[in-house]
Amino acid sequence: MPVPHVATAFADLVDKRVTKIFYDTYDQLPSLIPTMYSMENSSDETERWSAVGALPQFQEFTGSVSYSSQSQGYDTTATHVEWANGIQIERKLYDDDRHGMWERRPSGLAISANRTREVHGARMFNLGFSVDTKFYNNTEAVALFSNSHTTTSGASTATGFDNLVTSSLSATALAAARIQMRGFRDDQAERIDVMPSMVLYPPDLYDVAFEIVESAGKPGVATNDKNVHMGKYRLVEWNYLTDTNNWFLIDESAMKQYVVWFERIPLEFAFAEEIDTIIAKWRAYMRYSNAWFDWRWGLGAQVT
């Protein structure tokens, strides 16, 4: 039985090495997804939230408790999407390769998997100024960053329901954005304690963001005025933000409550060999979704 034995030996030998190269490479690649999302596993085809509104403030007790009601909020449904890619290695290539060419293939596949996930992670921000339904659907039917947010409670949305600006990143714009976020209201139009702590920006705004937050003195002013932004925000640069001017101000604690990345099937690497052609095949597969179910954690600047 020498022929099947040879084919099997090739498959076993290459599989172990290629798989190790793939996972070693993938594990070392940086990712901002765990920073921007609450990471959760999913055991179903979809995940759904049905929001319940806030309670109004306490009323003065005058002998009888005043009972309040909460409004049914908007629904969010996340639907997991499948993603796959693969490589092939011929027996001849494996035997004759003297330059490590085939070893680069699993590394490239791992890099591709990481890049795919980062693109989808940044998608929430890149497409946050329009209604995006690739991974999720929110029945409010309003963009994540919008000046047209609504509520089901009947409360006035005249103030505190706008998380969209158009100003370029600057010390003045950041101060105004912070005030705007501090004025966010819940579905009863009551003030809430939003505390922005992160500035998210593309690589193109690195020098501007650094100067605003790290300068000891007031940026752009020839005085000794103290910079109120100094050390107040965590600066996060994401290479997968596609607009060179847009930026975001974020309450990290609230973001972790309202923004979720669901792993339905974590990234896996599998092997099969075609006996007749003696070609080994590896495929990578993953299935996931992400979603937001409340907008009161961030403000987006769609710079015009």
C-alpha atoms as a PDB file:
ATOM      1  CA  MET A   1       0.000   0.000   0.000  1.00  0.00           C
ATOM      2  CA  PRO A   2       2.819   2.511  -0.755  1.00  0.00           C
ATOM      3  CA  VAL A   3       0.889   5.047  -2.877  1.00  0.00           C
ATOM      4  CA  PRO A   4      -1.914   5.867  -0.392  1.00  0.00           C
ATOM      5  CA  HIS A   5       0.687   5.877   2.349  1.00  0.00           C
ATOM      6  CA  VAL A   6       2.750   8.530   0.534  1.00  0.00           C
ATOM      7  CA  ALA A   7      -0.242  10.780  -0.066  1.00  0.00           C
ATOM      8  CA  THR A   8      -1.379  10.481   3.513  1.00  0.00           C
ATOM      9  CA  ALA A   9       2.103  11.195   4.830  1.00  0.00           C
ATOM     10  CA  PHE A  10       2.261  14.358   2.752  1.00  0.00           C
ATOM     11  CA  ALA A  11      -1.112  15.509   4.020  1.00  0.00           C
ATOM     12  CA  ASP A  12      -0.326  14.898   7.683  1.00  0.00           C
ATOM     13  CA  LEU A  13       3.073  16.543   7.499  1.00  0.00           C
ATOM     14  CA  VAL A  14       1.949  19.671   5.668  1.00  0.00           C
ATOM     15  CA  ASP A  15      -1.304  20.042   7.579  1.00  0.00           C
ATOM     16  CA  LYS A  16       0.371  20.338  10.975  1.00  0.00           C
ATOM     17  CA  ARG A  17       2.934  22.843   9.786  1.00  0.00           C
ATOM     18  CA  VAL A  18       0.573  24.989   7.713  1.00  0.00           C
ATOM     19  CA  THR A  19      -2.019  25.067  10.474  1.00  0.00           C
ATOM     20  CA  LYS A  20       0.589  26.168  12.997  1.00  0.00           C
ATOM     21  CA  ILE A  21       1.849  28.903  10.670  1.00  0.00           C
ATOM     22  CA  PHE A  22      -1.718  30.131  10.166  1.00  0.00           C
ATOM     23  CA  TYR A  23      -2.655  30.326  13.842  1.00  0.00           C
ATOM     24  CA  ASP A  24       0.707  31.687  14.962  1.00  0.00           C
ATOM     25  CA  THR A  25       0.412  34.509  12.444  1.00  0.00           C
ATOM     26  CA  TYR A  26      -3.216  35.272  13.233  1.00  0.00           C
ATOM     27  CA  ASP A  27      -2.678  35.357  16.997  1.00  0.00           C
ATOM     28  CA  GLN A  28       0.054  37.966  16.619  1.00  0.00           C
ATOM     29  CA  LEU A  29      -1.950  40.390  14.471  1.00  0.00           C
ATOM     30  CA  PRO A  30      -3.336  43.492  16.205  1.00  0.00           C
ATOM     31  CA  SER A  31      -7.079  44.100  16.361  1.00  0.00           C
ATOM     32  CA  LEU A  32      -9.179  46.989  17.639  1.00  0.00           C
ATOM     33  CA  ILE A  33     -12.396  44.979  17.640  1.00  0.00           C
ATOM     34  CA  PRO A  34     -12.120  43.945  21.331  1.00  0.00           C
ATOM     35  CA  THR A  35     -11.528  47.616  22.183  1.00  0.00           C
ATOM     36  CA  MET A  36     -14.565  48.896  20.314  1.00  0.00           C
ATOM     37  CA  TYR A  37     -17.007  46.057  20.963  1.00  0.00           C
ATOM     38  CA  SER A  38     -18.286  43.944  23.799  1.00  0.00           C
ATOM     39  CA  MET A  39     -17.293  40.439  22.698  1.00  0.00           C
ATOM     40  CA  GLU A  40     -19.915  37.722  23.096  1.00  0.00           C
ATOM     41  CA  ASN A  41     -20.510  34.209  21.795  1.00  0.00           C
ATOM     42  CA  SER A  42     -23.751  33.330  20.061  1.00  0.00           C
ATOM     43  CA  SER A  43     -25.537  29.979  19.870  1.00  0.00           C
ATOM     44  CA  ASP A  44     -28.289  30.980  17.465  1.00  0.00           C
ATOM     45  CA  GLU A  45     -28.686  32.215  13.884  1.00  0.00           C
ATOM     46  CA  THR A  46     -29.611  35.716  15.036  1.00  0.00           C
ATOM     47  CA  GLU A  47     -29.498  37.808  18.192  1.00  0.00           C
ATOM     48  CA  ARG A  48     -32.248  40.231  19.109  1.00  0.00           C
ATOM     49  CA  TRP A  49     -32.714  43.000  21.650  1.00  0.00           C
ATOM     50  CA  SER A  50     -35.954  44.682  22.559  1.00  0.00           C
ATOM     51  CA  ALA A  51     -35.207  47.915  24.390  1.00  0.00           C
ATOM     52  CA  VAL A  52     -37.132  49.084  27.430  1.00  0.00           C
ATOM     53  CA  GLY A  53     -37.206  52.801  28.106  1.00  0.00           C
ATOM     54  CA  ALA A  54     -36.022  54.646  31.196  1.00  0.00           C
ATOM     55  CA  LEU A  55     -38.099  55.632  34.191  1.00  0.00           C
ATOM     56  CA  PRO A  56     -38.832  59.315  34.877  1.00  0.00           C
ATOM     57  CA  GLN A  57     -37.449  61.063  37.944  1.00  0.00           C
ATOM     58  CA  PHE A  58     -38.808  60.428  41.439  1.00  0.00           C
ATOM     59  CA  GLN A  59     -41.814  62.432  42.511  1.00  0.00           C
ATOM     60  CA  GLU A  60     -42.191  63.986  45.930  1.00  0.00           C
ATOM     61  CA  PHE A  61     -43.922  61.583  48.297  1.00  0.00           C
ATOM     62  CA  THR A  62     -47.154  63.104  49.567  1.00  0.00           C
ATOM     63  CA  GLY A  63     -48.733  60.068  51.184  1.00  0.00           C
ATOM     64  CA  SER A  64     -49.030  57.756  48.191  1.00  0.00           C
ATOM     65  CA  VAL A  65     -46.396  56.313  45.864  1.00  0.00           C
ATOM     66  CA  SER A  66     -46.575  57.568  42.295  1.00  0.00           C
ATOM     67  CA  TYR A  67     -46.035  54.590  39.992  1.00  0.00           C
ATOM     68  CA  SER A  68     -44.299  55.145  36.650  1.00  0.00           C
ATOM     69  CA  SER A  69     -44.343  53.175  33.425  1.00  0.00           C
ATOM     70  CA  GLN A  70     -41.628  52.453  30.885  1.00  0.00           C
ATOM     71  CA  SER A  71     -42.016  52.628  27.124  1.00  0.00           C
ATOM     72  CA  GLN A  72     -41.256  49.795  24.726  1.00  0.00           C
ATOM     73  CA  GLY A  73     -38.162  50.881  22.812  1.00  0.00           C
ATOM     74  CA  TYR A  74     -36.765  49.980  19.433  1.00  0.00           C
ATOM     75  CA  ASP A  75     -35.770  46.444  18.429  1.00  0.00           C
ATOM     76  CA  THR A  76     -32.362  45.471  17.086  1.00  0.00           C
ATOM     77  CA  THR A  77     -31.720  42.189  15.281  1.00  0.00           C
ATOM     78  CA  ALA A  78     -28.195  41.004  14.445  1.00  0.00           C
ATOM     79  CA  THR A  79     -27.861  38.343  11.741  1.00  0.00           C
ATOM     80  CA  HIS A  80     -24.599  36.407  11.523  1.00  0.00           C
ATOM     81  CA  VAL A  81     -22.819  36.350   8.153  1.00  0.00           C
ATOM     82  CA  GLU A  82     -20.478  33.614   6.867  1.00  0.00           C
ATOM     83  CA  TRP A  83     -17.002  34.411   5.534  1.00  0.00           C
ATOM     84  CA  ALA A  84     -14.498  32.004   3.983  1.00  0.00           C
ATOM     85  CA  ASN A  85     -11.233  31.852   2.057  1.00  0.00           C
ATOM     86  CA  GLY A  86      -8.756  29.116   1.138  1.00  0.00           C
ATOM     87  CA  ILE A  87      -5.347  28.086  -0.172  1.00  0.00           C
ATOM     88  CA  GLN A  88      -4.041  25.128  -2.147  1.00  0.00           C
ATOM     89  CA  ILE A  89      -0.595  23.530  -2.027  1.00  0.00           C
ATOM     90  CA  GLU A  90       0.577  21.016  -4.621  1.00  0.00           C
ATOM     91  CA  ARG A  91       2.709  18.069  -3.558  1.00  0.00           C
ATOM     92  CA  LYS A  92       5.362  19.088  -6.092  1.00  0.00           C
ATOM     93  CA  LEU A  93       5.506  22.616  -4.697  1.00  0.00           C
ATOM     94  CA  TYR A  94       5.944  21.260  -1.198  1.00  0.00           C
ATOM     95  CA  ASP A  95       8.720  18.883  -2.249  1.00  0.00           C
ATOM     96  CA  ASP A  96      10.689  21.343  -4.410  1.00  0.00           C
ATOM     97  CA  ASP A  97      10.170  24.622  -2.590  1.00  0.00           C
ATOM     98  CA  ARG A  98      13.525  26.023  -1.482  1.00  0.00           C
ATOM     99  CA  HIS A  99      12.448  29.602  -0.808  1.00  0.00           C
ATOM    100  CA  GLY A 100       9.625  29.217   1.706  1.00  0.00           C
ATOM    101  CA  MET A 101       6.987  30.278  -0.835  1.00  0.00           C
ATOM    102  CA  TRP A 102       4.290  27.894   0.366  1.00  0.00           C
ATOM    103  CA  GLU A 103       4.877  28.865   3.972  1.00  0.00           C
ATOM    104  CA  ARG A 104       3.813  32.411   3.074  1.00  0.00           C
ATOM    105  CA  ARG A 105       0.419  31.219   1.909  1.00  0.00           C
ATOM    106  CA  PRO A 106      -1.048  30.386   5.331  1.00  0.00           C
ATOM    107  CA  SER A 107       0.447  33.593   6.710  1.00  0.00           C
ATOM    108  CA  GLY A 108      -1.302  35.532   3.951  1.00  0.00           C
ATOM    109  CA  LEU A 109      -4.578  33.776   4.685  1.00  0.00           C
ATOM    110  CA  ALA A 110      -4.300  34.682   8.374  1.00  0.00           C
ATOM    111  CA  ILE A 111      -3.617  38.320   7.476  1.00  0.00           C
ATOM    112  CA  SER A 112      -6.617  38.289   5.140  1.00  0.00           C
ATOM    113  CA  ALA A 113      -8.878  36.943   7.897  1.00  0.00           C
ATOM    114  CA  ASN A 114      -7.718  39.627  10.300  1.00  0.00           C
ATOM    115  CA  ARG A 115      -8.167  42.372   7.711  1.00  0.00           C
ATOM    116  CA  THR A 116     -11.673  41.163   6.864  1.00  0.00           C
ATOM    117  CA  ARG A 117     -12.723  41.353  10.508  1.00  0.00           C
ATOM    118  CA  GLU A 118     -11.181  44.801  11.010  1.00  0.00           C
ATOM    119  CA  VAL A 119     -12.982  46.141   7.929  1.00  0.00           C
ATOM    120  CA  HIS A 120     -16.270  44.854   9.305  1.00  0.00           C
ATOM    121  CA  GLY A 121     -15.497  46.224  12.744  1.00  0.00           C
ATOM    122  CA  ALA A 122     -14.805  49.698  11.348  1.00  0.00           C
ATOM    123  CA  ARG A 123     -17.886  49.479   9.129  1.00  0.00           C
ATOM    124  CA  MET A 124     -20.117  50.641  11.987  1.00  0.00           C
ATOM    125  CA  PHE A 125     -18.223  53.940  11.967  1.00  0.00           C
ATOM    126  CA  ASN A 126     -17.523  54.236   8.239  1.00  0.00           C
ATOM    127  CA  LEU A 127     -21.205  53.748   7.423  1.00  0.00           C
ATOM    128  CA  GLY A 128     -22.493  55.233  10.667  1.00  0.00           C
ATOM    129  CA  PHE A 129     -23.934  58.287   8.934  1.00  0.00           C
ATOM    130  CA  SER A 130     -26.408  56.221   6.913  1.00  0.00           C
ATOM    131  CA  VAL A 131     -28.762  53.337   7.678  1.00  0.00           C
ATOM    132  CA  ASP A 132     -26.621  50.211   7.281  1.00  0.00           C
ATOM    133  CA  THR A 133     -28.260  46.776   7.464  1.00  0.00           C
ATOM    134  CA  LYS A 134     -25.414  44.418   6.538  1.00  0.00           C
ATOM    135  CA  PHE A 135     -25.145  42.826   9.984  1.00  0.00           C
ATOM    136  CA  TYR A 136     -28.057  44.313  11.901  1.00  0.00           C
ATOM    137  CA  ASN A 137     -31.395  46.052  11.677  1.00  0.00           C
ATOM    138  CA  ASN A 138     -32.653  48.654  14.134  1.00  0.00           C
ATOM    139  CA  THR A 139     -36.352  49.537  13.979  1.00  0.00           C
ATOM    140  CA  GLU A 140     -35.666  53.197  14.688  1.00  0.00           C
ATOM    141  CA  ALA A 141     -34.491  53.252  11.049  1.00  0.00           C
ATOM    142  CA  VAL A 142     -32.146  56.175  11.704  1.00  0.00           C
ATOM    143  CA  ALA A 143     -28.383  56.329  11.183  1.00  0.00           C
ATOM    144  CA  LEU A 144     -26.207  55.614  14.212  1.00  0.00           C
ATOM    145  CA  PHE A 145     -24.861  59.179  14.111  1.00  0.00           C
ATOM    146  CA  SER A 146     -27.819  61.420  13.353  1.00  0.00           C
ATOM    147  CA  ASN A 147     -29.588  64.646  14.287  1.00  0.00           C
ATOM    148  CA  SER A 148     -32.947  62.931  13.763  1.00  0.00           C
ATOM    149  CA  HIS A 149     -33.115  60.362  16.561  1.00  0.00           C
ATOM    150  CA  THR A 150     -36.595  59.614  17.861  1.00  0.00           C
ATOM    151  CA  THR A 151     -38.250  58.020  20.872  1.00  0.00           C
ATOM    152  CA  THR A 152     -41.282  55.831  21.462  1.00  0.00           C
ATOM    153  CA  SER A 153     -42.234  57.518  24.741  1.00  0.00           C
ATOM    154  CA  GLY A 154     -43.747  60.648  23.252  1.00  0.00           C
ATOM    155  CA  ALA A 155     -41.195  62.855  25.025  1.00  0.00           C
ATOM    156  CA  SER A 156     -39.832  65.877  23.194  1.00  0.00           C
ATOM    157  CA  THR A 157     -36.703  65.248  21.116  1.00  0.00           C
ATOM    158  CA  ALA A 158     -35.930  68.940  20.631  1.00  0.00           C
ATOM    159  CA  THR A 159     -32.875  68.705  22.903  1.00  0.00           C
ATOM    160  CA  GLY A 160     -30.426  65.913  23.618  1.00  0.00           C
ATOM    161  CA  PHE A 161     -31.194  63.625  20.663  1.00  0.00           C
ATOM    162  CA  ASP A 162     -28.475  64.806  18.282  1.00  0.00           C
ATOM    163  CA  ASN A 163     -25.162  62.935  18.068  1.00  0.00           C
ATOM    164  CA  LEU A 164     -23.988  64.266  14.703  1.00  0.00           C
ATOM    165  CA  VAL A 165     -21.660  67.183  13.963  1.00  0.00           C
ATOM    166  CA  THR A 166     -19.859  68.382  10.839  1.00  0.00           C
ATOM    167  CA  SER A 167     -16.872  70.201  12.333  1.00  0.00           C
ATOM    168  CA  SER A 168     -13.276  69.321  11.534  1.00  0.00           C
ATOM    169  CA  LEU A 169     -11.272  68.003  14.465  1.00  0.00           C
ATOM    170  CA  SER A 170      -9.917  70.868  16.539  1.00  0.00           C
ATOM    171  CA  ALA A 171      -9.689  71.840  20.208  1.00  0.00           C
ATOM    172  CA  THR A 172     -12.770  74.030  19.822  1.00  0.00           C
ATOM    173  CA  ALA A 173     -14.743  71.319  18.001  1.00  0.00           C
ATOM    174  CA  LEU A 174     -13.798  68.728  20.630  1.00  0.00           C
ATOM    175  CA  ALA A 175     -14.968  71.005  23.445  1.00  0.00           C
ATOM    176  CA  ALA A 176     -18.290  71.602  21.668  1.00  0.00           C
ATOM    177  CA  ALA A 177     -18.715  67.864  21.018  1.00  0.00           C
ATOM    178  CA  ARG A 178     -18.129  67.099  24.684  1.00  0.00           C
ATOM    179  CA  ILE A 179     -20.804  69.589  25.731  1.00  0.00           C
ATOM    180  CA  GLN A 180     -23.182  68.097  23.172  1.00  0.00           C
ATOM    181  CA  MET A 181     -22.623  64.574  24.492  1.00  0.00           C
ATOM    182  CA  ARG A 182     -23.029  65.677  28.094  1.00  0.00           C
ATOM    183  CA  GLY A 183     -26.456  66.910  27.072  1.00  0.00           C
ATOM    184  CA  PHE A 184     -27.685  63.567  25.735  1.00  0.00           C
ATOM    185  CA  ARG A 185     -31.140  62.581  27.000  1.00  0.00           C
ATOM    186  CA  ASP A 186     -32.807  59.214  27.538  1.00  0.00           C
ATOM    187  CA  ASP A 187     -36.109  58.215  25.953  1.00  0.00           C
ATOM    188  CA  GLN A 188     -37.971  60.197  28.616  1.00  0.00           C
ATOM    189  CA  ALA A 189     -35.942  63.286  27.643  1.00  0.00           C
ATOM    190  CA  GLU A 190     -34.223  63.146  31.047  1.00  0.00           C
ATOM    191  CA  ARG A 191     -30.514  63.991  31.343  1.00  0.00           C
ATOM    192  CA  ILE A 192     -28.129  61.035  31.570  1.00  0.00           C
ATOM    193  CA  ASP A 193     -24.512  60.770  32.679  1.00  0.00           C
ATOM    194  CA  VAL A 194     -22.602  60.341  29.444  1.00  0.00           C
ATOM    195  CA  MET A 195     -18.875  60.939  29.933  1.00  0.00           C
ATOM    196  CA  PRO A 196     -16.787  60.973  26.723  1.00  0.00           C
ATOM    197  CA  SER A 197     -13.392  59.356  27.210  1.00  0.00           C
ATOM    198  CA  MET A 198     -12.069  58.367  23.764  1.00  0.00           C
ATOM    199  CA  VAL A 199     -11.298  60.158  20.522  1.00  0.00           C
ATOM    200  CA  LEU A 200     -11.354  57.778  17.539  1.00  0.00           C
ATOM    201  CA  TYR A 201      -9.762  58.975  14.315  1.00  0.00           C
ATOM    202  CA  PRO A 202      -8.095  57.814  11.058  1.00  0.00           C
ATOM    203  CA  PRO A 203      -4.297  57.920  10.597  1.00  0.00           C
ATOM    204  CA  ASP A 204      -4.623  61.203   8.684  1.00  0.00           C
ATOM    205  CA  LEU A 205      -5.679  63.032  11.861  1.00  0.00           C
ATOM    206  CA  TYR A 206      -2.948  61.657  14.103  1.00  0.00           C
ATOM    207  CA  ASP A 207      -0.995  64.896  14.459  1.00  0.00           C
ATOM    208  CA  VAL A 208      -4.129  66.966  15.054  1.00  0.00           C
ATOM    209  CA  ALA A 209      -5.506  64.587  17.680  1.00  0.00           C
ATOM    210  CA  PHE A 210      -2.148  64.284  19.433  1.00  0.00           C
ATOM    211  CA  GLU A 211      -1.680  68.046  19.609  1.00  0.00           C
ATOM    212  CA  ILE A 212      -5.180  68.614  21.011  1.00  0.00           C
ATOM    213  CA  VAL A 213      -4.965  66.036  23.785  1.00  0.00           C
ATOM    214  CA  GLU A 214      -1.262  65.912  24.631  1.00  0.00           C
ATOM    215  CA  SER A 215      -0.295  69.593  24.558  1.00  0.00           C
ATOM    216  CA  ALA A 216       0.272  71.194  27.959  1.00  0.00           C
ATOM    217  CA  GLY A 217      -0.770  74.606  26.643  1.00  0.00           C
ATOM    218  CA  LYS A 218      -3.830  75.581  24.684  1.00  0.00           C
ATOM    219  CA  PRO A 219      -3.261  74.383  21.073  1.00  0.00           C
ATOM    220  CA  GLY A 220      -2.701  77.097  18.497  1.00  0.00           C
ATOM    221  CA  VAL A 221      -2.570  79.946  21.017  1.00  0.00           C
ATOM    222  CA  ALA A 222       0.601  81.904  21.824  1.00  0.00           C
ATOM    223  CA  THR A 223      -0.164  82.160  25.523  1.00  0.00           C
ATOM    224  CA  ASN A 224       0.353  80.102  28.632  1.00  0.00           C
ATOM    225  CA  ASP A 225      -3.316  79.126  28.863  1.00  0.00           C
ATOM    226  CA  LYS A 226      -3.737  75.581  30.150  1.00  0.00           C
ATOM    227  CA  ASN A 227      -5.077  73.013  27.706  1.00  0.00           C
ATOM    228  CA  VAL A 228      -8.355  71.694  29.143  1.00  0.00           C
ATOM    229  CA  HIS A 229      -8.151  68.587  26.929  1.00  0.00           C
ATOM    230  CA  MET A 230      -4.726  67.502  28.146  1.00  0.00           C
ATOM    231  CA  GLY A 231      -4.856  63.854  29.206  1.00  0.00           C
ATOM    232  CA  LYS A 232      -8.667  63.800  29.251  1.00  0.00           C
ATOM    233  CA  TYR A 233      -9.164  61.382  26.359  1.00  0.00           C
ATOM    234  CA  ARG A 234      -7.713  58.131  25.140  1.00  0.00           C
ATOM    235  CA  LEU A 235      -6.531  58.558  21.569  1.00  0.00           C
ATOM    236  CA  VAL A 236      -7.356  55.592  19.316  1.00  0.00           C
ATOM    237  CA  GLU A 237      -6.243  55.486  15.698  1.00  0.00           C
ATOM    238  CA  TRP A 238      -7.909  52.914  13.437  1.00  0.00           C
ATOM    239  CA  ASN A 239      -6.292  52.296  10.095  1.00  0.00           C
ATOM    240  CA  TYR A 240      -9.582  50.943   8.720  1.00  0.00           C
ATOM    241  CA  LEU A 241     -11.495  54.209   9.027  1.00  0.00           C
ATOM    242  CA  THR A 242     -11.890  55.167   5.386  1.00  0.00           C
ATOM    243  CA  ASP A 243     -12.709  58.884   5.541  1.00  0.00           C
ATOM    244  CA  THR A 244      -9.640  61.023   6.179  1.00  0.00           C
ATOM    245  CA  ASN A 245     -11.586  63.773   7.977  1.00  0.00           C
ATOM    246  CA  ASN A 246     -14.300  62.060  10.029  1.00  0.00           C
ATOM    247  CA  TRP A 247     -13.714  61.516  13.750  1.00  0.00           C
ATOM    248  CA  PHE A 248     -15.647  60.220  16.744  1.00  0.00           C
ATOM    249  CA  LEU A 249     -16.022  61.050  20.429  1.00  0.00           C
ATOM    250  CA  ILE A 250     -16.923  58.055  22.590  1.00  0.00           C
ATOM    251  CA  ASP A 251     -17.986  57.129  26.110  1.00  0.00           C
ATOM    252  CA  GLU A 252     -16.097  53.832  26.371  1.00  0.00           C
ATOM    253  CA  SER A 253     -18.130  52.472  29.269  1.00  0.00           C
ATOM    254  CA  ALA A 254     -21.448  53.095  27.507  1.00  0.00           C
ATOM    255  CA  MET A 255     -20.073  51.778  24.216  1.00  0.00           C
ATOM    256  CA  LYS A 256     -19.301  48.444  25.855  1.00  0.00           C
ATOM    257  CA  GLN A 257     -22.941  48.228  26.989  1.00  0.00           C
ATOM    258  CA  TYR A 258     -24.542  49.093  23.673  1.00  0.00           C
ATOM    259  CA  VAL A 259     -22.162  47.815  20.971  1.00  0.00           C
ATOM    260  CA  VAL A 260     -21.670  44.053  20.566  1.00  0.00           C
ATOM    261  CA  TRP A 261     -19.604  41.739  18.379  1.00  0.00           C
ATOM    262  CA  PHE A 262     -21.085  38.247  18.213  1.00  0.00           C
ATOM    263  CA  GLU A 263     -18.902  35.249  17.414  1.00  0.00           C
ATOM    264  CA  ARG A 264     -21.221  32.574  16.029  1.00  0.00           C
ATOM    265  CA  ILE A 265     -18.329  30.449  14.729  1.00  0.00           C
ATOM    266  CA  PRO A 266     -14.854  31.688  15.700  1.00  0.00           C
ATOM    267  CA  LEU A 267     -12.194  31.613  12.988  1.00  0.00           C
ATOM    268  CA  GLU A 268     -11.273  28.015  12.146  1.00  0.00           C
ATOM    269  CA  PHE A 269      -8.749  26.417   9.803  1.00  0.00           C
ATOM    270  CA  ALA A 270      -9.550  23.040   8.190  1.00  0.00           C
ATOM    271  CA  PHE A 271      -7.804  20.656   5.783  1.00  0.00           C
ATOM    272  CA  ALA A 272      -8.697  18.281   2.952  1.00  0.00           C
ATOM    273  CA  GLU A 273      -6.622  16.520   0.290  1.00  0.00           C
ATOM    274  CA  GLU A 274      -7.604  15.531  -3.231  1.00  0.00           C
ATOM    275  CA  ILE A 275      -6.183  12.043  -3.621  1.00  0.00           C
ATOM    276  CA  ASP A 276      -6.085  11.965  -7.430  1.00  0.00           C
ATOM    277  CA  THR A 277      -4.475  15.385  -7.959  1.00  0.00           C
ATOM    278  CA  ILE A 278      -2.358  15.279  -4.774  1.00  0.00           C
ATOM    279  CA  ILE A 279      -3.307  18.825  -3.931  1.00  0.00           C
ATOM    280  CA  ALA A 280      -3.749  19.790  -0.305  1.00  0.00           C
ATOM    281  CA  LYS A 281      -6.411  22.381   0.436  1.00  0.00           C
ATOM    282  CA  TRP A 282      -6.951  24.504   3.516  1.00  0.00           C
ATOM    283  CA  ARG A 283      -9.884  26.733   4.111  1.00  0.00           C
ATOM    284  CA  ALA A 284     -10.559  29.305   6.798  1.00  0.00           C
ATOM    285  CA  TYR A 285     -14.121  29.963   7.907  1.00  0.00           C
ATOM    286  CA  MET A 286     -15.790  32.353  10.338  1.00  0.00           C
ATOM    287  CA  ARG A 287     -19.289  33.517  11.060  1.00  0.00           C
ATOM    288  CA  TYR A 288     -20.145  36.608  13.047  1.00  0.00           C
ATOM    289  CA  SER A 289     -22.171  39.788  13.317  1.00  0.00           C
ATOM    290  CA  ASN A 290     -22.049  43.089  15.119  1.00  0.00           C
ATOM    291  CA  ALA A 291     -24.711  45.563  16.182  1.00  0.00           C
ATOM    292  CA  TRP A 292     -25.538  48.642  18.222  1.00  0.00           C
ATOM    293  CA  PHE A 293     -28.801  48.907  20.124  1.00  0.00           C
ATOM    294  CA  ASP A 294     -28.529  52.376  21.601  1.00  0.00           C
ATOM    295  CA  TRP A 295     -26.758  55.430  20.158  1.00  0.00           C
ATOM    296  CA  ARG A 296     -26.112  57.277  23.427  1.00  0.00           C
ATOM    297  CA  TRP A 297     -22.461  56.291  23.681  1.00  0.00           C
ATOM    298  CA  GLY A 298     -20.925  58.241  20.832  1.00  0.00           C
ATOM    299  CA  LEU A 299     -20.901  61.279  18.623  1.00  0.00           C
ATOM    300  CA  GLY A 300     -19.791  61.207  14.999  1.00  0.00           C
ATOM    301  CA  ALA A 301     -18.273  64.057  13.003  1.00  0.00           C
ATOM    302  CA  GLN A 302     -19.137  63.799   9.317  1.00  0.00           C
ATOM    303  CA  VAL A 303     -16.846  66.541   8.166  1.00  0.00           C
ATOM    304  CA  THR A 304     -18.002  68.500   5.140  1.00  0.00           C
END
